[in-house]
C-alpha atoms as a PDB file:
ATOM      1  CA  SER A   1      -0.185   0.093  -0.007  1.00  0.00           C
ATOM      2  CA  ILE A   2       1.417   3.602  -1.104  1.00  0.00           C
ATOM      3  CA  ARG A   3      -2.109   5.290   0.399  1.00  0.00           C
ATOM      4  CA  SER A   4      -1.976   8.797   1.483  1.00  0.00           C
ATOM      5  CA  ASN A   5       1.647   9.645   0.744  1.00  0.00           C
ATOM      6  CA  GLN A   6       1.142  12.910  -1.090  1.00  0.00           C
ATOM      7  CA  LEU A   7       2.261  11.613  -4.502  1.00  0.00           C
ATOM      8  CA  THR A   8       1.638  13.572  -7.425  1.00  0.00           C
ATOM      9  CA  VAL A   9       3.011  11.678 -10.705  1.00  0.00           C
ATOM     10  CA  ILE A  10       3.460   8.058 -11.322  1.00  0.00           C
ATOM     11  CA  GLU A  11       6.180   7.958 -14.123  1.00  0.00           C
ATOM     12  CA  ASN A  12       6.883   5.487 -16.812  1.00  0.00           C
ATOM     13  CA  ARG A  13       8.333   2.353 -15.385  1.00  0.00           C
ATOM     14  CA  THR A  14       7.813   3.200 -11.848  1.00  0.00           C
ATOM     15  CA  PHE A  15       7.256  -0.197 -10.531  1.00  0.00           C
ATOM     16  CA  HIS A  16       9.449  -1.587 -13.000  1.00  0.00           C
ATOM     17  CA  GLY A  17      11.209  -5.087 -11.420  1.00  0.00           C
ATOM     18  CA  ILE A  18       8.570  -5.364  -8.944  1.00  0.00           C
ATOM     19  CA  HIS A  19       8.054  -9.412  -9.444  1.00  0.00           C
ATOM     20  CA  ASN A  20       4.870 -10.841  -7.639  1.00  0.00           C
ATOM     21  CA  LEU A  21       3.077  -7.868  -6.865  1.00  0.00           C
ATOM     22  CA  ASN A  22      -0.691  -8.802  -6.353  1.00  0.00           C
ATOM     23  CA  TYR A  23      -2.465  -5.418  -4.874  1.00  0.00           C
ATOM     24  CA  LEU A  24      -1.232  -1.903  -5.396  1.00  0.00           C
ATOM     25  CA  TYR A  25      -3.412   0.736  -3.590  1.00  0.00           C
ATOM     26  CA  LEU A  26      -2.589   4.138  -4.370  1.00  0.00           C
ATOM     27  CA  ASP A  27      -5.504   5.779  -2.467  1.00  0.00           C
ATOM     28  CA  GLY A  28      -5.467   9.268  -1.075  1.00  0.00           C
ATOM     29  CA  ASN A  29      -2.610  10.632  -2.478  1.00  0.00           C
ATOM     30  CA  ARG A  30      -2.361  13.635  -4.891  1.00  0.00           C
ATOM     31  CA  ILE A  31      -1.986  11.800  -7.966  1.00  0.00           C
ATOM     32  CA  THR A  32      -2.656  13.955 -10.965  1.00  0.00           C
ATOM     33  CA  VAL A  33      -1.016  12.181 -13.820  1.00  0.00           C
ATOM     34  CA  ILE A  34      -0.339   8.559 -14.285  1.00  0.00           C
ATOM     35  CA  GLN A  35       2.371   8.144 -17.312  1.00  0.00           C
ATOM     36  CA  GLU A  36       1.984   5.818 -20.372  1.00  0.00           C
ATOM     37  CA  GLY A  37       3.891   2.565 -19.341  1.00  0.00           C
ATOM     38  CA  ALA A  38       3.809   3.228 -15.362  1.00  0.00           C
ATOM     39  CA  PHE A  39       2.863  -0.124 -14.563  1.00  0.00           C
ATOM     40  CA  ASP A  40       5.008  -2.269 -17.375  1.00  0.00           C
ATOM     41  CA  GLY A  41       5.981  -5.420 -15.594  1.00  0.00           C
ATOM     42  CA  LEU A  42       3.393  -5.786 -13.159  1.00  0.00           C
ATOM     43  CA  ASN A  43       2.274  -9.192 -14.750  1.00  0.00           C
ATOM     44  CA  THR A  44       1.052 -10.837 -11.615  1.00  0.00           C
ATOM     45  CA  LEU A  45      -0.946  -7.813 -10.702  1.00  0.00           C
ATOM     46  CA  ASN A  46      -5.065  -8.607  -9.137  1.00  0.00           C
ATOM     47  CA  SER A  47      -5.906  -5.411  -8.263  1.00  0.00           C
ATOM     48  CA  LEU A  48      -5.086  -1.970  -8.616  1.00  0.00           C
ATOM     49  CA  SER A  49      -6.919   1.010  -6.719  1.00  0.00           C
ATOM     50  CA  ILE A  50      -6.591   4.858  -7.577  1.00  0.00           C
ATOM     51  CA  ARG A  51      -9.326   6.362  -5.735  1.00  0.00           C
ATOM     52  CA  SER A  52      -9.405   9.897  -4.283  1.00  0.00           C
ATOM     53  CA  ASN A  53      -6.695  11.716  -5.808  1.00  0.00           C
ATOM     54  CA  GLN A  54      -6.710  14.519  -8.178  1.00  0.00           C
ATOM     55  CA  LEU A  55      -6.575  12.547 -11.852  1.00  0.00           C
ATOM     56  CA  THR A  56      -6.759  14.849 -14.712  1.00  0.00           C
ATOM     57  CA  VAL A  57      -5.128  12.902 -17.201  1.00  0.00           C
ATOM     58  CA  ILE A  58      -4.785   8.931 -18.016  1.00  0.00           C
ATOM     59  CA  GLU A  59      -2.544   8.553 -20.777  1.00  0.00           C
ATOM     60  CA  ASN A  60      -3.884   6.005 -23.847  1.00  0.00           C
ATOM     61  CA  ARG A  61      -1.234   3.386 -22.873  1.00  0.00           C
ATOM     62  CA  THR A  62      -1.300   3.670 -19.124  1.00  0.00           C
ATOM     63  CA  PHE A  63      -2.688  -0.179 -18.176  1.00  0.00           C
ATOM     64  CA  HIS A  64      -0.628  -1.352 -21.277  1.00  0.00           C
ATOM     65  CA  GLY A  65       2.158  -3.111 -19.349  1.00  0.00           C
ATOM     66  CA  ILE A  66      -0.122  -5.048 -17.217  1.00  0.00           C
ATOM     67  CA  HIS A  67      -0.623  -8.365 -18.638  1.00  0.00           C
ATOM     68  CA  ASN A  68      -1.989 -11.800 -17.539  1.00  0.00           C
ATOM     69  CA  LEU A  69      -4.497 -10.468 -15.219  1.00  0.00           C
ATOM     70  CA  ASN A  70      -7.273 -12.391 -13.360  1.00  0.00           C
ATOM     71  CA  TYR A  71      -9.165  -9.580 -12.292  1.00  0.00           C
ATOM     72  CA  LEU A  72      -8.195  -5.798 -12.226  1.00  0.00           C
ATOM     73  CA  TYR A  73     -10.376  -3.849 -10.568  1.00  0.00           C
ATOM     74  CA  VAL A  74      -9.745  -0.238 -11.323  1.00  0.00           C
ATOM     75  CA  TYR A  75     -11.430   2.466  -8.905  1.00  0.00           C
ATOM     76  CA  LEU A  76     -11.474   5.649 -10.513  1.00  0.00           C
ATOM     77  CA  TYR A  77     -14.084   7.590  -8.692  1.00  0.00           C
ATOM     78  CA  ILE A  78     -13.389  10.849  -6.767  1.00  0.00           C
ATOM     79  CA  ASN A  79     -11.110  12.224  -9.297  1.00  0.00           C
ATOM     80  CA  ASN A  80     -11.539  14.547 -11.936  1.00  0.00           C
ATOM     81  CA  PHE A  81     -10.170  13.023 -15.025  1.00  0.00           C
ATOM     82  CA  MET A  82     -10.223  12.747 -18.884  1.00  0.00           C
ATOM     83  CA  PHE A  83      -8.744  10.411 -21.212  1.00  0.00           C
ATOM     84  CA  SER A  84      -6.225  11.488 -23.841  1.00  0.00           C
ATOM     85  CA  ASN A  85      -6.012  10.548 -27.267  1.00  0.00           C
END
């Protein structure tokens, strides 16, 4: 859990090299942007929560690096975001 840590940006390849991560909770930060490829390599991720942030942009390929999922729950409520083209 990386909850309530005042994070503002999740950069490309932030979680690269982290193996066997099943749950990732980024709730309650100040994240405004999640860059393309931020989750590259999280092949075992089952649950992702990014609620209660200040998201404005989610880039097209933000979730592209998440492969082989059984379940992925992405909670986007309580944000002010738009999807970019």
